[in-house]
PDB file of N, CA and C in Angstrom:
ATOM      1  N   MET A   1      40.669 -26.138  33.008  1.00  0.00           N
ATOM      2  CA  MET A   1      41.080 -26.569  31.750  1.00  0.00           C
ATOM      3  C   MET A   1      42.221 -27.272  31.562  1.00  0.00           C
ATOM      4  N   SER A   2      42.680 -28.574  30.947  1.00  0.00           N
ATOM      5  CA  SER A   2      44.346 -28.419  31.520  1.00  0.00           C
ATOM      6  C   SER A   2      44.625 -28.217  28.922  1.00  0.00           C
ATOM      7  N   TRP A   3      45.698 -28.166  29.921  1.00  0.00           N
ATOM      8  CA  TRP A   3      46.497 -27.330  27.838  1.00  0.00           C
ATOM      9  C   TRP A   3      45.653 -28.650  26.987  1.00  0.00           C
ATOM     10  N   ILE A   4      45.866 -30.128  27.106  1.00  0.00           N
ATOM     11  CA  ILE A   4      45.595 -31.390  26.472  1.00  0.00           C
ATOM     12  C   ILE A   4      44.184 -31.115  25.885  1.00  0.00           C
ATOM     13  N   THR A   5      43.330 -30.852  26.750  1.00  0.00           N
ATOM     14  CA  THR A   5      42.082 -30.737  26.804  1.00  0.00           C
ATOM     15  C   THR A   5      41.754 -29.251  25.684  1.00  0.00           C
ATOM     16  N   ILE A   6      41.902 -28.559  26.021  1.00  0.00           N
ATOM     17  CA  ILE A   6      42.171 -27.361  24.859  1.00  0.00           C
ATOM     18  C   ILE A   6      42.542 -27.679  24.057  1.00  0.00           C
ATOM     19  N   ILE A   7      43.076 -28.261  22.863  1.00  0.00           N
ATOM     20  CA  ILE A   7      43.822 -28.996  21.957  1.00  0.00           C
ATOM     21  C   ILE A   7      43.321 -30.015  21.250  1.00  0.00           C
ATOM     22  N   GLY A   8      42.559 -30.635  22.151  1.00  0.00           N
ATOM     23  CA  GLY A   8      41.114 -31.635  21.319  1.00  0.00           C
ATOM     24  C   GLY A   8      40.618 -30.749  21.620  1.00  0.00           C
ATOM     25  N   SER A   9      40.001 -30.538  21.857  1.00  0.00           N
ATOM     26  CA  SER A   9      38.585 -29.063  21.021  1.00  0.00           C
ATOM     27  C   SER A   9      38.409 -28.802  20.631  1.00  0.00           C
ATOM     28  N   LEU A  10      39.559 -27.019  19.622  1.00  0.00           N
ATOM     29  CA  LEU A  10      40.359 -26.968  18.781  1.00  0.00           C
ATOM     30  C   LEU A  10      40.437 -27.568  17.590  1.00  0.00           C
ATOM     31  N   ALA A  11      40.719 -29.865  18.444  1.00  0.00           N
ATOM     32  CA  ALA A  11      40.931 -30.104  16.959  1.00  0.00           C
ATOM     33  C   ALA A  11      39.497 -30.897  16.696  1.00  0.00           C
ATOM     34  N   ALA A  12      38.758 -30.919  17.681  1.00  0.00           N
ATOM     35  CA  ALA A  12      37.517 -31.203  17.426  1.00  0.00           C
ATOM     36  C   ALA A  12      36.960 -30.412  16.610  1.00  0.00           C
ATOM     37  N   ILE A  13      37.077 -28.731  16.764  1.00  0.00           N
ATOM     38  CA  ILE A  13      36.112 -28.317  16.078  1.00  0.00           C
ATOM     39  C   ILE A  13      36.550 -27.676  14.880  1.00  0.00           C
ATOM     40  N   CYS A  14      37.958 -28.165  14.563  1.00  0.00           N
ATOM     41  CA  CYS A  14      37.907 -27.667  13.317  1.00  0.00           C
ATOM     42  C   CYS A  14      38.079 -28.895  12.427  1.00  0.00           C
ATOM     43  N   SER A  15      37.594 -30.002  13.103  1.00  0.00           N
ATOM     44  CA  SER A  15      37.630 -31.388  12.578  1.00  0.00           C
ATOM     45  C   SER A  15      35.664 -31.230  11.380  1.00  0.00           C
ATOM     46  N   MET A  16      35.481 -30.662  12.432  1.00  0.00           N
ATOM     47  CA  MET A  16      33.830 -30.120  12.072  1.00  0.00           C
ATOM     48  C   MET A  16      33.525 -29.092  11.330  1.00  0.00           C
ATOM     49  N   ALA A  17      34.453 -28.545  11.155  1.00  0.00           N
ATOM     50  CA  ALA A  17      33.890 -27.611  10.832  1.00  0.00           C
ATOM     51  C   ALA A  17      34.632 -27.004   9.402  1.00  0.00           C
ATOM     52  N   SER A  18      35.311 -28.525   9.078  1.00  0.00           N
ATOM     53  CA  SER A  18      36.047 -28.479   7.935  1.00  0.00           C
ATOM     54  C   SER A  18      35.283 -28.383   6.400  1.00  0.00           C
ATOM     55  N   PHE A  19      34.152 -29.788   6.687  1.00  0.00           N
ATOM     56  CA  PHE A  19      33.096 -30.106   6.219  1.00  0.00           C
ATOM     57  C   PHE A  19      31.795 -28.430   6.157  1.00  0.00           C
ATOM     58  N   ILE A  20      31.462 -28.255   6.964  1.00  0.00           N
ATOM     59  CA  ILE A  20      30.915 -26.933   6.721  1.00  0.00           C
ATOM     60  C   ILE A  20      30.714 -26.712   5.321  1.00  0.00           C
ATOM     61  N   PRO A  21      32.126 -25.840   4.537  1.00  0.00           N
ATOM     62  CA  PRO A  21      31.791 -24.737   3.531  1.00  0.00           C
ATOM     63  C   PRO A  21      31.598 -25.366   2.213  1.00  0.00           C
ATOM     64  N   GLN A  22      32.449 -26.946   2.376  1.00  0.00           N
ATOM     65  CA  GLN A  22      31.707 -28.112   0.940  1.00  0.00           C
ATOM     66  C   GLN A  22      30.676 -28.229   1.631  1.00  0.00           C
ATOM     67  N   ALA A  23      29.936 -28.486   1.990  1.00  0.00           N
ATOM     68  CA  ALA A  23      29.021 -29.243   2.171  1.00  0.00           C
ATOM     69  C   ALA A  23      27.495 -28.131   1.957  1.00  0.00           C
ATOM     70  N   TRP A  24      27.816 -26.662   2.058  1.00  0.00           N
ATOM     71  CA  TRP A  24      26.944 -25.782   1.859  1.00  0.00           C
ATOM     72  C   TRP A  24      27.746 -24.903   0.534  1.00  0.00           C
ATOM     73  N   ARG A  25      28.513 -25.490   0.070  1.00  0.00           N
ATOM     74  CA  ARG A  25      29.047 -25.180  -1.466  1.00  0.00           C
ATOM     75  C   ARG A  25      27.871 -26.083  -2.106  1.00  0.00           C
ATOM     76  N   ILE A  26      27.640 -27.204  -2.074  1.00  0.00           N
ATOM     77  CA  ILE A  26      27.752 -28.273  -2.847  1.00  0.00           C
ATOM     78  C   ILE A  26      26.056 -28.017  -2.573  1.00  0.00           C
ATOM     79  N   VAL A  27      25.107 -27.358  -1.538  1.00  0.00           N
ATOM     80  CA  VAL A  27      23.711 -27.103  -1.666  1.00  0.00           C
ATOM     81  C   VAL A  27      23.927 -25.806  -2.099  1.00  0.00           C
ATOM     82  N   ARG A  28      24.277 -25.280  -2.773  1.00  0.00           N
ATOM     83  CA  ARG A  28      24.416 -23.468  -3.182  1.00  0.00           C
ATOM     84  C   ARG A  28      24.901 -23.666  -4.280  1.00  0.00           C
ATOM     85  N   THR A  29      25.853 -24.425  -5.164  1.00  0.00           N
ATOM     86  CA  THR A  29      25.692 -24.738  -7.067  1.00  0.00           C
ATOM     87  C   THR A  29      26.174 -25.984  -6.830  1.00  0.00           C
ATOM     88  N   ARG A  30      25.114 -27.084  -6.573  1.00  0.00           N
ATOM     89  CA  ARG A  30      24.998 -28.384  -6.851  1.00  0.00           C
ATOM     90  C   ARG A  30      25.753 -29.242  -7.907  1.00  0.00           C
ATOM     91  N   ASP A  31      27.284 -28.536  -6.950  1.00  0.00           N
ATOM     92  CA  ASP A  31      28.215 -28.563  -8.206  1.00  0.00           C
ATOM     93  C   ASP A  31      29.296 -29.857  -6.744  1.00  0.00           C
ATOM     94  N   THR A  32      28.940 -31.003  -7.752  1.00  0.00           N
ATOM     95  CA  THR A  32      30.140 -32.848  -7.012  1.00  0.00           C
ATOM     96  C   THR A  32      31.088 -32.686  -8.434  1.00  0.00           C
ATOM     97  N   GLN A  33      31.555 -32.083  -9.336  1.00  0.00           N
ATOM     98  CA  GLN A  33      32.082 -32.838 -10.615  1.00  0.00           C
ATOM     99  C   GLN A  33      33.021 -32.636  -9.705  1.00  0.00           C
ATOM    100  N   ALA A  34      34.291 -32.413  -9.044  1.00  0.00           N
ATOM    101  CA  ALA A  34      35.182 -31.777  -8.387  1.00  0.00           C
ATOM    102  C   ALA A  34      35.943 -32.673  -7.519  1.00  0.00           C
ATOM    103  N   ILE A  35      34.538 -32.779  -6.588  1.00  0.00           N
ATOM    104  CA  ILE A  35      35.130 -34.461  -5.299  1.00  0.00           C
ATOM    105  C   ILE A  35      35.557 -35.861  -5.940  1.00  0.00           C
ATOM    106  N   SER A  36      35.887 -36.432  -5.347  1.00  0.00           N
ATOM    107  CA  SER A  36      36.780 -38.062  -5.669  1.00  0.00           C
ATOM    108  C   SER A  36      35.358 -38.322  -5.034  1.00  0.00           C
ATOM    109  N   PRO A  37      34.896 -39.659  -5.718  1.00  0.00           N
ATOM    110  CA  PRO A  37      33.178 -40.222  -4.372  1.00  0.00           C
ATOM    111  C   PRO A  37      33.768 -41.361  -3.826  1.00  0.00           C
ATOM    112  N   VAL A  38      35.619 -41.214  -4.581  1.00  0.00           N
ATOM    113  CA  VAL A  38      36.073 -42.987  -4.001  1.00  0.00           C
ATOM    114  C   VAL A  38      36.627 -42.330  -2.169  1.00  0.00           C
ATOM    115  N   MET A  39      37.245 -41.235  -2.245  1.00  0.00           N
ATOM    116  CA  MET A  39      37.595 -40.249  -1.375  1.00  0.00           C
ATOM    117  C   MET A  39      37.086 -39.727   0.030  1.00  0.00           C
ATOM    118  N   TYR A  40      35.685 -39.743  -0.570  1.00  0.00           N
ATOM    119  CA  TYR A  40      34.362 -39.612   0.188  1.00  0.00           C
ATOM    120  C   TYR A  40      34.092 -41.015   1.120  1.00  0.00           C
ATOM    121  N   ARG A  41      34.174 -41.821   0.187  1.00  0.00           N
ATOM    122  CA  ARG A  41      33.865 -43.828   0.846  1.00  0.00           C
ATOM    123  C   ARG A  41      34.637 -43.544   2.065  1.00  0.00           C
ATOM    124  N   PHE A  42      35.904 -43.793   1.350  1.00  0.00           N
ATOM    125  CA  PHE A  42      37.259 -44.035   2.216  1.00  0.00           C
ATOM    126  C   PHE A  42      36.598 -42.935   3.828  1.00  0.00           C
ATOM    127  N   THR A  43      36.942 -41.200   3.581  1.00  0.00           N
ATOM    128  CA  THR A  43      35.851 -39.903   4.447  1.00  0.00           C
ATOM    129  C   THR A  43      35.165 -40.891   5.673  1.00  0.00           C
ATOM    130  N   THR A  44      33.840 -41.268   4.724  1.00  0.00           N
ATOM    131  CA  THR A  44      33.090 -41.509   5.364  1.00  0.00           C
ATOM    132  C   THR A  44      33.246 -42.891   6.606  1.00  0.00           C
ATOM    133  N   THR A  45      33.608 -43.605   5.554  1.00  0.00           N
ATOM    134  CA  THR A  45      34.108 -45.028   6.285  1.00  0.00           C
ATOM    135  C   THR A  45      34.867 -45.097   7.919  1.00  0.00           C
ATOM    136  N   GLY A  46      36.043 -43.636   7.965  1.00  0.00           N
ATOM    137  CA  GLY A  46      36.235 -43.790   8.863  1.00  0.00           C
ATOM    138  C   GLY A  46      35.869 -43.114   9.864  1.00  0.00           C
ATOM    139  N   PHE A  47      35.214 -42.064  10.004  1.00  0.00           N
ATOM    140  CA  PHE A  47      34.870 -41.373  10.328  1.00  0.00           C
ATOM    141  C   PHE A  47      33.643 -42.131  11.088  1.00  0.00           C
ATOM    142  N   ALA A  48      33.139 -43.364  10.421  1.00  0.00           N
ATOM    143  CA  ALA A  48      32.044 -44.529  11.474  1.00  0.00           C
ATOM    144  C   ALA A  48      32.775 -44.539  12.076  1.00  0.00           C
ATOM    145  N   LEU A  49      33.673 -45.753  11.443  1.00  0.00           N
ATOM    146  CA  LEU A  49      34.517 -46.582  12.492  1.00  0.00           C
ATOM    147  C   LEU A  49      36.212 -45.818  13.556  1.00  0.00           C
ATOM    148  N   TRP A  50      35.595 -44.372  13.559  1.00  0.00           N
ATOM    149  CA  TRP A  50      35.667 -43.849  14.356  1.00  0.00           C
ATOM    150  C   TRP A  50      34.859 -43.142  15.940  1.00  0.00           C
ATOM    151  N   THR A  51      33.695 -43.092  15.576  1.00  0.00           N
ATOM    152  CA  THR A  51      32.239 -43.289  15.960  1.00  0.00           C
ATOM    153  C   THR A  51      32.780 -44.790  16.898  1.00  0.00           C
ATOM    154  N   ALA A  52      32.473 -45.596  16.195  1.00  0.00           N
ATOM    155  CA  ALA A  52      31.895 -47.051  16.756  1.00  0.00           C
ATOM    156  C   ALA A  52      33.568 -47.728  17.522  1.00  0.00           C
ATOM    157  N   TYR A  53      35.177 -46.651  17.846  1.00  0.00           N
ATOM    158  CA  TYR A  53      35.361 -47.108  18.510  1.00  0.00           C
ATOM    159  C   TYR A  53      35.102 -45.748  19.542  1.00  0.00           C
ATOM    160  N   GLY A  54      34.927 -44.561  19.511  1.00  0.00           N
ATOM    161  CA  GLY A  54      34.393 -43.476  20.554  1.00  0.00           C
ATOM    162  C   GLY A  54      33.120 -44.265  21.424  1.00  0.00           C
ATOM    163  N   VAL A  55      31.780 -45.792  20.797  1.00  0.00           N
ATOM    164  CA  VAL A  55      31.118 -45.972  21.819  1.00  0.00           C
ATOM    165  C   VAL A  55      32.016 -46.717  21.569  1.00  0.00           C
ATOM    166  N   GLY A  56      32.995 -47.955  21.590  1.00  0.00           N
ATOM    167  CA  GLY A  56      33.057 -48.804  22.421  1.00  0.00           C
ATOM    168  C   GLY A  56      34.270 -48.097  23.494  1.00  0.00           C
ATOM    169  N   LEU A  57      34.549 -46.915  23.411  1.00  0.00           N
ATOM    170  CA  LEU A  57      35.321 -46.693  24.643  1.00  0.00           C
ATOM    171  C   LEU A  57      34.661 -45.721  25.633  1.00  0.00           C
ATOM    172  N   ARG A  58      33.076 -45.535  25.118  1.00  0.00           N
ATOM    173  CA  ARG A  58      32.455 -44.537  25.839  1.00  0.00           C
ATOM    174  C   ARG A  58      33.004 -43.002  26.068  1.00  0.00           C
ATOM    175  N   GLU A  59      33.957 -42.576  25.337  1.00  0.00           N
ATOM    176  CA  GLU A  59      34.304 -40.922  24.814  1.00  0.00           C
ATOM    177  C   GLU A  59      33.695 -40.519  24.459  1.00  0.00           C
ATOM    178  N   TRP A  60      32.723 -39.524  24.346  1.00  0.00           N
ATOM    179  CA  TRP A  60      31.470 -38.725  24.421  1.00  0.00           C
ATOM    180  C   TRP A  60      32.398 -37.456  23.031  1.00  0.00           C
ATOM    181  N   PRO A  61      33.749 -37.788  23.682  1.00  0.00           N
ATOM    182  CA  PRO A  61      33.964 -36.433  22.897  1.00  0.00           C
ATOM    183  C   PRO A  61      34.512 -36.877  21.190  1.00  0.00           C
ATOM    184  N   LEU A  62      34.698 -38.869  21.279  1.00  0.00           N
ATOM    185  CA  LEU A  62      35.190 -39.396  19.942  1.00  0.00           C
ATOM    186  C   LEU A  62      34.136 -39.292  19.082  1.00  0.00           C
ATOM    187  N   ILE A  63      32.748 -39.826  20.053  1.00  0.00           N
ATOM    188  CA  ILE A  63      31.666 -40.278  19.750  1.00  0.00           C
ATOM    189  C   ILE A  63      30.306 -38.884  19.242  1.00  0.00           C
ATOM    190  N   ILE A  64      30.995 -36.919  19.633  1.00  0.00           N
ATOM    191  CA  ILE A  64      30.648 -36.738  19.369  1.00  0.00           C
ATOM    192  C   ILE A  64      30.792 -35.547  17.766  1.00  0.00           C
ATOM    193  N   THR A  65      32.383 -36.009  18.196  1.00  0.00           N
ATOM    194  CA  THR A  65      33.088 -34.695  16.812  1.00  0.00           C
ATOM    195  C   THR A  65      32.950 -36.206  16.021  1.00  0.00           C
ATOM    196  N   ASN A  66      33.441 -37.268  15.496  1.00  0.00           N
ATOM    197  CA  ASN A  66      33.084 -38.101  14.997  1.00  0.00           C
ATOM    198  C   ASN A  66      31.543 -38.441  14.349  1.00  0.00           C
ATOM    199  N   GLY A  67      31.450 -38.234  14.840  1.00  0.00           N
ATOM    200  CA  GLY A  67      29.459 -39.040  14.542  1.00  0.00           C
ATOM    201  C   GLY A  67      29.073 -37.232  14.350  1.00  0.00           C
ATOM    202  N   VAL A  68      29.416 -35.901  14.010  1.00  0.00           N
ATOM    203  CA  VAL A  68      29.198 -34.684  13.154  1.00  0.00           C
ATOM    204  C   VAL A  68      29.780 -35.337  12.705  1.00  0.00           C
ATOM    205  N   CYS A  69      30.855 -35.381  11.830  1.00  0.00           N
ATOM    206  CA  CYS A  69      32.197 -35.899  10.117  1.00  0.00           C
ATOM    207  C   CYS A  69      31.543 -36.238   9.565  1.00  0.00           C
ATOM    208  N   PHE A  70      31.240 -37.366  10.573  1.00  0.00           N
ATOM    209  CA  PHE A  70      30.265 -38.352   9.690  1.00  0.00           C
ATOM    210  C   PHE A  70      29.483 -38.393   8.937  1.00  0.00           C
ATOM    211  N   LEU A  71      28.026 -37.887   9.115  1.00  0.00           N
ATOM    212  CA  LEU A  71      27.021 -36.965   8.856  1.00  0.00           C
ATOM    213  C   LEU A  71      27.169 -36.092   7.454  1.00  0.00           C
ATOM    214  N   LEU A  72      28.379 -35.028   7.711  1.00  0.00           N
ATOM    215  CA  LEU A  72      28.585 -33.886   6.945  1.00  0.00           C
ATOM    216  C   LEU A  72      29.258 -35.253   5.711  1.00  0.00           C
ATOM    217  N   ALA A  73      30.381 -35.758   5.766  1.00  0.00           N
ATOM    218  CA  ALA A  73      30.939 -36.645   4.808  1.00  0.00           C
ATOM    219  C   ALA A  73      29.717 -38.015   3.821  1.00  0.00           C
ATOM    220  N   ALA A  74      29.018 -38.053   4.824  1.00  0.00           N
ATOM    221  CA  ALA A  74      28.590 -38.596   4.217  1.00  0.00           C
ATOM    222  C   ALA A  74      27.070 -38.077   3.255  1.00  0.00           C
ATOM    223  N   PHE A  75      27.045 -37.443   3.976  1.00  0.00           N
ATOM    224  CA  PHE A  75      25.679 -35.767   3.007  1.00  0.00           C
ATOM    225  C   PHE A  75      26.454 -35.866   1.475  1.00  0.00           C
ATOM    226  N   ILE A  76      28.223 -35.086   1.711  1.00  0.00           N
ATOM    227  CA  ILE A  76      28.748 -35.531   0.577  1.00  0.00           C
ATOM    228  C   ILE A  76      29.118 -36.125   0.276  1.00  0.00           C
ATOM    229  N   LEU A  77      29.260 -37.046   0.353  1.00  0.00           N
ATOM    230  CA  LEU A  77      29.268 -38.353  -0.746  1.00  0.00           C
ATOM    231  C   LEU A  77      27.630 -38.720  -1.023  1.00  0.00           C
ATOM    232  N   VAL A  78      26.945 -38.442  -0.688  1.00  0.00           N
ATOM    233  CA  VAL A  78      25.545 -38.600  -0.856  1.00  0.00           C
ATOM    234  C   VAL A  78      25.645 -37.477  -2.510  1.00  0.00           C
ATOM    235  N   MET A  79      25.263 -36.510  -2.113  1.00  0.00           N
ATOM    236  CA  MET A  79      25.576 -35.958  -3.059  1.00  0.00           C
ATOM    237  C   MET A  79      25.990 -35.787  -4.014  1.00  0.00           C
ATOM    238  N   THR A  80      26.992 -36.765  -4.025  1.00  0.00           N
ATOM    239  CA  THR A  80      28.023 -36.546  -5.220  1.00  0.00           C
ATOM    240  C   THR A  80      28.013 -37.799  -6.461  1.00  0.00           C
ATOM    241  N   LEU A  81      26.791 -38.945  -5.346  1.00  0.00           N
ATOM    242  CA  LEU A  81      26.415 -40.140  -5.887  1.00  0.00           C
ATOM    243  C   LEU A  81      24.773 -39.783  -6.551  1.00  0.00           C
ATOM    244  N   LEU A  82      24.228 -39.128  -6.353  1.00  0.00           N
ATOM    245  CA  LEU A  82      23.293 -39.133  -6.457  1.00  0.00           C
ATOM    246  C   LEU A  82      23.569 -38.309  -8.046  1.00  0.00           C
ATOM    247  N   PRO A  83      21.799 -39.211  -9.080  1.00  0.00           N
ATOM    248  CA  PRO A  83      22.205 -37.806 -10.049  1.00  0.00           C
ATOM    249  C   PRO A  83      20.960 -36.550  -9.928  1.00  0.00           C
ATOM    250  N   GLN A  84      22.284 -35.772 -10.674  1.00  0.00           N
ATOM    251  CA  GLN A  84      21.767 -33.929 -10.998  1.00  0.00           C
ATOM    252  C   GLN A  84      19.993 -33.570 -10.224  1.00  0.00           C
ATOM    253  N   ARG A  85      18.526 -33.905 -10.915  1.00  0.00           N
ATOM    254  CA  ARG A  85      17.462 -34.066 -10.443  1.00  0.00           C
ATOM    255  C   ARG A  85      17.375 -34.917  -9.089  1.00  0.00           C
ATOM    256  N   ALA A  86      17.813 -35.266  -8.229  1.00  0.00           N
ATOM    257  CA  ALA A  86      17.463 -36.038  -7.108  1.00  0.00           C
ATOM    258  C   ALA A  86      18.441 -34.956  -5.982  1.00  0.00           C
ATOM    259  N   LYS A  87      19.860 -34.241  -6.305  1.00  0.00           N
ATOM    260  CA  LYS A  87      20.294 -33.430  -6.028  1.00  0.00           C
ATOM    261  C   LYS A  87      19.872 -31.775  -5.761  1.00  0.00           C
ATOM    262  N   ASP A  88      19.082 -32.106  -7.311  1.00  0.00           N
ATOM    263  CA  ASP A  88      18.364 -30.350  -7.290  1.00  0.00           C
ATOM    264  C   ASP A  88      17.365 -30.715  -6.202  1.00  0.00           C
ATOM    265  N   ARG A  89      16.735 -31.663  -6.011  1.00  0.00           N
ATOM    266  CA  ARG A  89      15.376 -31.643  -4.960  1.00  0.00           C
ATOM    267  C   ARG A  89      15.849 -31.605  -3.066  1.00  0.00           C
ATOM    268  N   VAL A  90      17.826 -32.716  -2.944  1.00  0.00           N
ATOM    269  CA  VAL A  90      17.841 -32.244  -1.613  1.00  0.00           C
ATOM    270  C   VAL A  90      18.569 -31.255  -1.598  1.00  0.00           C
ATOM    271  N   ALA A  91      19.280 -30.260  -2.621  1.00  0.00           N
ATOM    272  CA  ALA A  91      19.805 -28.938  -2.133  1.00  0.00           C
ATOM    273  C   ALA A  91      18.217 -27.750  -2.194  1.00  0.00           C
ATOM    274  N   ASP A  92      17.102 -28.427  -2.359  1.00  0.00           N
ATOM    275  CA  ASP A  92      15.953 -27.056  -2.307  1.00  0.00           C
ATOM    276  C   ASP A  92      15.755 -26.998  -1.013  1.00  0.00           C
ATOM    277  N   GLN A  93      15.639 -28.621  -0.859  1.00  0.00           N
ATOM    278  CA  GLN A  93      15.224 -29.200   0.603  1.00  0.00           C
ATOM    279  C   GLN A  93      16.094 -28.307   2.192  1.00  0.00           C
ATOM    280  N   VAL A  94      17.274 -28.142   1.644  1.00  0.00           N
ATOM    281  CA  VAL A  94      18.459 -28.130   2.718  1.00  0.00           C
ATOM    282  C   VAL A  94      18.276 -27.066   2.942  1.00  0.00           C
ATOM    283  N   SER A  95      18.294 -25.992   1.515  1.00  0.00           N
ATOM    284  CA  SER A  95      18.528 -24.515   2.138  1.00  0.00           C
ATOM    285  C   SER A  95      16.812 -24.122   1.966  1.00  0.00           C
ATOM    286  N   GLY A  96      15.878 -24.505   2.536  1.00  0.00           N
ATOM    287  CA  GLY A  96      14.995 -23.926   2.469  1.00  0.00           C
ATOM    288  C   GLY A  96      14.562 -23.533   0.865  1.00  0.00           C
ATOM    289  N   LYS A  97      14.387 -23.556  -0.202  1.00  0.00           N
ATOM    290  CA  LYS A  97      14.105 -22.956  -1.319  1.00  0.00           C
ATOM    291  C   LYS A  97      12.268 -23.732  -1.418  1.00  0.00           C
TER     292      LYS A  97
END
């Protein structure tokens, strides 16, 4: 495995893992007040575009990494936009309560 593949793999892991603590915190606390919906709209759109770019190039590392990041960012965005009652239902489903 080349050093460039190792760097790319580490970058992909860091990118995907970076959203997990935020998503889990939202599930646990149901608090999204400090999250900017505008920023997450841009982030989600960016990951969707990166995924489409990867599909266009047929590059699985781009598709998988950005697809996972898109799903996590979209989850955070949706939870930010939902009313509290719906947010509680989703969090209960995700956490298995």
